[in-house]
Amino acid sequence: MLRITLRDGEKAIVNGAVLRAVGRTQIAVENQVSILRGREVMQPEEATTPARQLYFSAMLAYIDPANRAQHQDHVVGLIGGLVATLTAPEARAACIAFAHDMATGDYYKALSAARELIGFENAATESQAA
């Protein structure tokens, strides 16, 4: 069983349905579902870099099973370009972990690896600006 707590007004997506908490809410999930809390949801306009686009496509694959193949195809198209731009061994390891999680259908875990990739991408951008 998974327990999640939502703050007043916080949103969550459960199997594609958007829920909004009215008051502080605790939810017990007793079966397998696709669930994202509001802070894990990326809006389309936030997908401005290759790593963010990867996160966004993985998120859609997770919450939109009807179009999962299309989202996975988009991921495949993005990951090669990202691997080419991230040269640190840790970043490449995160790419491999992300690809493995996507290939095995562990989309929520893939989102974690994608957040790590966003961090590597941000660090690379900051070092280039300096």
C-alpha atoms as a PDB file:
ATOM      1  CA  MET A   1       0.000   0.000   0.000  1.00  0.00           C
ATOM      2  CA  LEU A   2       1.244   3.486  -0.917  1.00  0.00           C
ATOM      3  CA  ARG A   3       0.304   6.488   1.215  1.00  0.00           C
ATOM      4  CA  ILE A   4       0.611   9.973  -0.190  1.00  0.00           C
ATOM      5  CA  THR A   5      -0.208  13.271   1.436  1.00  0.00           C
ATOM      6  CA  LEU A   6      -1.405  16.230  -0.601  1.00  0.00           C
ATOM      7  CA  ARG A   7      -1.415  19.785   0.693  1.00  0.00           C
ATOM      8  CA  ASP A   8      -4.488  21.950   0.273  1.00  0.00           C
ATOM      9  CA  GLY A   9      -4.831  22.784  -3.416  1.00  0.00           C
ATOM     10  CA  GLU A  10      -2.062  20.381  -4.502  1.00  0.00           C
ATOM     11  CA  LYS A  11      -2.838  18.336  -7.587  1.00  0.00           C
ATOM     12  CA  ALA A  12      -2.068  14.731  -8.424  1.00  0.00           C
ATOM     13  CA  ILE A  13      -2.582  12.636 -11.529  1.00  0.00           C
ATOM     14  CA  VAL A  14      -3.909   9.127 -10.938  1.00  0.00           C
ATOM     15  CA  ASN A  15      -4.233   6.961 -14.044  1.00  0.00           C
ATOM     16  CA  GLY A  16      -4.665  10.074 -16.148  1.00  0.00           C
ATOM     17  CA  ALA A  17      -7.281  11.734 -13.930  1.00  0.00           C
ATOM     18  CA  VAL A  18      -6.283  15.059 -12.362  1.00  0.00           C
ATOM     19  CA  LEU A  19      -7.243  15.279  -8.685  1.00  0.00           C
ATOM     20  CA  ARG A  20      -6.996  18.394  -6.502  1.00  0.00           C
ATOM     21  CA  ALA A  21      -6.861  18.215  -2.724  1.00  0.00           C
ATOM     22  CA  VAL A  22      -9.409  20.235  -0.777  1.00  0.00           C
ATOM     23  CA  GLY A  23      -7.737  20.657   2.562  1.00  0.00           C
ATOM     24  CA  ARG A  24      -4.803  18.535   3.633  1.00  0.00           C
ATOM     25  CA  THR A  25      -5.551  15.072   2.261  1.00  0.00           C
ATOM     26  CA  GLN A  26      -4.009  11.685   2.795  1.00  0.00           C
ATOM     27  CA  ILE A  27      -4.667   8.992   0.217  1.00  0.00           C
ATOM     28  CA  ALA A  28      -3.951   5.287   0.575  1.00  0.00           C
ATOM     29  CA  VAL A  29      -3.464   3.573  -2.776  1.00  0.00           C
ATOM     30  CA  GLU A  30      -4.116  -0.134  -2.456  1.00  0.00           C
ATOM     31  CA  ASN A  31      -3.400  -1.350  -5.975  1.00  0.00           C
ATOM     32  CA  GLN A  32      -1.030  -0.640  -8.871  1.00  0.00           C
ATOM     33  CA  VAL A  33      -1.695   2.796 -10.424  1.00  0.00           C
ATOM     34  CA  SER A  34       0.189   5.477 -12.303  1.00  0.00           C
ATOM     35  CA  ILE A  35       0.382   8.416  -9.906  1.00  0.00           C
ATOM     36  CA  LEU A  36       2.245  11.736 -10.026  1.00  0.00           C
ATOM     37  CA  ARG A  37       2.009  14.540  -7.508  1.00  0.00           C
ATOM     38  CA  GLY A  38       1.754  18.089  -8.805  1.00  0.00           C
ATOM     39  CA  ARG A  39       5.418  18.872  -8.195  1.00  0.00           C
ATOM     40  CA  GLU A  40       6.385  15.913 -10.429  1.00  0.00           C
ATOM     41  CA  VAL A  41       4.236  17.095 -13.347  1.00  0.00           C
ATOM     42  CA  MET A  42       6.002  19.077 -16.055  1.00  0.00           C
ATOM     43  CA  GLN A  43       4.020  21.408 -18.277  1.00  0.00           C
ATOM     44  CA  PRO A  44       4.738  21.333 -22.054  1.00  0.00           C
ATOM     45  CA  GLU A  45       6.209  24.847 -22.005  1.00  0.00           C
ATOM     46  CA  GLU A  46       8.769  23.720 -19.405  1.00  0.00           C
ATOM     47  CA  ALA A  47      10.243  21.083 -21.777  1.00  0.00           C
ATOM     48  CA  THR A  48      12.804  23.531 -23.153  1.00  0.00           C
ATOM     49  CA  THR A  49      15.978  21.404 -23.199  1.00  0.00           C
ATOM     50  CA  PRO A  50      16.759  17.855 -24.383  1.00  0.00           C
ATOM     51  CA  ALA A  51      16.760  16.439 -20.820  1.00  0.00           C
ATOM     52  CA  ARG A  52      13.507  18.236 -19.981  1.00  0.00           C
ATOM     53  CA  GLN A  53      11.944  16.957 -23.215  1.00  0.00           C
ATOM     54  CA  LEU A  54      13.061  13.468 -22.196  1.00  0.00           C
ATOM     55  CA  TYR A  55      11.391  13.883 -18.786  1.00  0.00           C
ATOM     56  CA  PHE A  56       8.210  15.219 -20.401  1.00  0.00           C
ATOM     57  CA  SER A  57       8.003  12.321 -22.886  1.00  0.00           C
ATOM     58  CA  ALA A  58       8.656   9.764 -20.126  1.00  0.00           C
ATOM     59  CA  MET A  59       5.984  11.411 -17.978  1.00  0.00           C
ATOM     60  CA  LEU A  60       3.488  11.147 -20.826  1.00  0.00           C
ATOM     61  CA  ALA A  61       4.411   7.492 -21.391  1.00  0.00           C
ATOM     62  CA  TYR A  62       3.706   6.912 -17.700  1.00  0.00           C
ATOM     63  CA  ILE A  63       0.323   8.664 -17.484  1.00  0.00           C
ATOM     64  CA  ASP A  64      -0.962   8.143 -21.058  1.00  0.00           C
ATOM     65  CA  PRO A  65      -0.845   4.398 -21.755  1.00  0.00           C
ATOM     66  CA  ALA A  66      -3.106   4.727 -24.809  1.00  0.00           C
ATOM     67  CA  ASN A  67      -0.343   6.663 -26.613  1.00  0.00           C
ATOM     68  CA  ARG A  68       2.631   5.060 -24.863  1.00  0.00           C
ATOM     69  CA  ALA A  69       4.287   3.768 -28.057  1.00  0.00           C
ATOM     70  CA  GLN A  70       4.308   7.269 -29.546  1.00  0.00           C
ATOM     71  CA  HIS A  71       5.862   8.734 -26.382  1.00  0.00           C
ATOM     72  CA  GLN A  72       8.473   5.949 -26.275  1.00  0.00           C
ATOM     73  CA  ASP A  73       9.397   6.632 -29.913  1.00  0.00           C
ATOM     74  CA  HIS A  74       9.954  10.276 -29.019  1.00  0.00           C
ATOM     75  CA  VAL A  75      12.215   9.209 -26.125  1.00  0.00           C
ATOM     76  CA  VAL A  76      14.307   7.057 -28.468  1.00  0.00           C
ATOM     77  CA  GLY A  77      14.748  10.030 -30.775  1.00  0.00           C
ATOM     78  CA  LEU A  78      15.889  12.277 -27.920  1.00  0.00           C
ATOM     79  CA  ILE A  79      18.222  10.067 -25.944  1.00  0.00           C
ATOM     80  CA  GLY A  80      20.918   9.739 -28.603  1.00  0.00           C
ATOM     81  CA  GLY A  81      21.331  13.506 -28.827  1.00  0.00           C
ATOM     82  CA  LEU A  82      21.464  13.864 -25.070  1.00  0.00           C
ATOM     83  CA  VAL A  83      24.129  11.157 -24.709  1.00  0.00           C
ATOM     84  CA  ALA A  84      26.238  13.035 -27.259  1.00  0.00           C
ATOM     85  CA  THR A  85      26.085  16.292 -25.274  1.00  0.00           C
ATOM     86  CA  LEU A  86      26.667  14.880 -21.770  1.00  0.00           C
ATOM     87  CA  THR A  87      30.238  13.660 -21.477  1.00  0.00           C
ATOM     88  CA  ALA A  88      30.556  12.984 -17.731  1.00  0.00           C
ATOM     89  CA  PRO A  89      30.565   9.256 -16.897  1.00  0.00           C
ATOM     90  CA  GLU A  90      27.883   9.832 -14.237  1.00  0.00           C
ATOM     91  CA  ALA A  91      25.643  11.512 -16.803  1.00  0.00           C
ATOM     92  CA  ARG A  92      26.095   8.668 -19.261  1.00  0.00           C
ATOM     93  CA  ALA A  93      25.300   6.188 -16.468  1.00  0.00           C
ATOM     94  CA  ALA A  94      22.094   8.124 -15.770  1.00  0.00           C
ATOM     95  CA  CYS A  95      21.222   7.916 -19.494  1.00  0.00           C
ATOM     96  CA  ILE A  96      21.725   4.150 -19.403  1.00  0.00           C
ATOM     97  CA  ALA A  97      19.611   3.848 -16.245  1.00  0.00           C
ATOM     98  CA  PHE A  98      16.892   5.960 -17.844  1.00  0.00           C
ATOM     99  CA  ALA A  99      16.899   3.865 -21.038  1.00  0.00           C
ATOM    100  CA  HIS A 100      16.793   0.635 -19.023  1.00  0.00           C
ATOM    101  CA  ASP A 101      13.872   1.840 -16.901  1.00  0.00           C
ATOM    102  CA  MET A 102      11.943   2.930 -19.994  1.00  0.00           C
ATOM    103  CA  ALA A 103      12.645  -0.368 -21.777  1.00  0.00           C
ATOM    104  CA  THR A 104      11.434  -2.392 -18.794  1.00  0.00           C
ATOM    105  CA  GLY A 105       8.307  -0.268 -18.340  1.00  0.00           C
ATOM    106  CA  ASP A 106       9.358   1.255 -15.009  1.00  0.00           C
ATOM    107  CA  TYR A 107       8.306   4.754 -16.036  1.00  0.00           C
ATOM    108  CA  TYR A 108       8.185   6.265 -12.557  1.00  0.00           C
ATOM    109  CA  LYS A 109      11.775   5.172 -11.924  1.00  0.00           C
ATOM    110  CA  ALA A 110      12.742   6.553 -15.355  1.00  0.00           C
ATOM    111  CA  LEU A 111      11.421   9.942 -14.245  1.00  0.00           C
ATOM    112  CA  SER A 112      13.887   9.899 -11.368  1.00  0.00           C
ATOM    113  CA  ALA A 113      16.771   9.221 -13.780  1.00  0.00           C
ATOM    114  CA  ALA A 114      15.466  11.993 -16.058  1.00  0.00           C
ATOM    115  CA  ARG A 115      15.493  14.461 -13.138  1.00  0.00           C
ATOM    116  CA  GLU A 116      19.122  13.485 -12.587  1.00  0.00           C
ATOM    117  CA  LEU A 117      19.822  14.147 -16.278  1.00  0.00           C
ATOM    118  CA  ILE A 118      18.229  17.582 -15.967  1.00  0.00           C
ATOM    119  CA  GLY A 119      20.673  18.282 -13.149  1.00  0.00           C
ATOM    120  CA  PHE A 120      23.642  17.198 -15.283  1.00  0.00           C
ATOM    121  CA  GLU A 121      22.365  19.286 -18.174  1.00  0.00           C
ATOM    122  CA  ASN A 122      21.963  22.337 -15.904  1.00  0.00           C
ATOM    123  CA  ALA A 123      25.499  21.882 -14.554  1.00  0.00           C
ATOM    124  CA  ALA A 124      26.911  21.590 -18.083  1.00  0.00           C
ATOM    125  CA  THR A 125      25.070  24.748 -19.170  1.00  0.00           C
ATOM    126  CA  GLU A 126      26.312  26.666 -16.106  1.00  0.00           C
ATOM    127  CA  SER A 127      29.920  25.600 -16.690  1.00  0.00           C
ATOM    128  CA  GLN A 128      29.734  26.678 -20.335  1.00  0.00           C
ATOM    129  CA  ALA A 129      28.354  30.087 -19.304  1.00  0.00           C
ATOM    130  CA  ALA A 130      31.214  30.662 -16.850  1.00  0.00           C
END
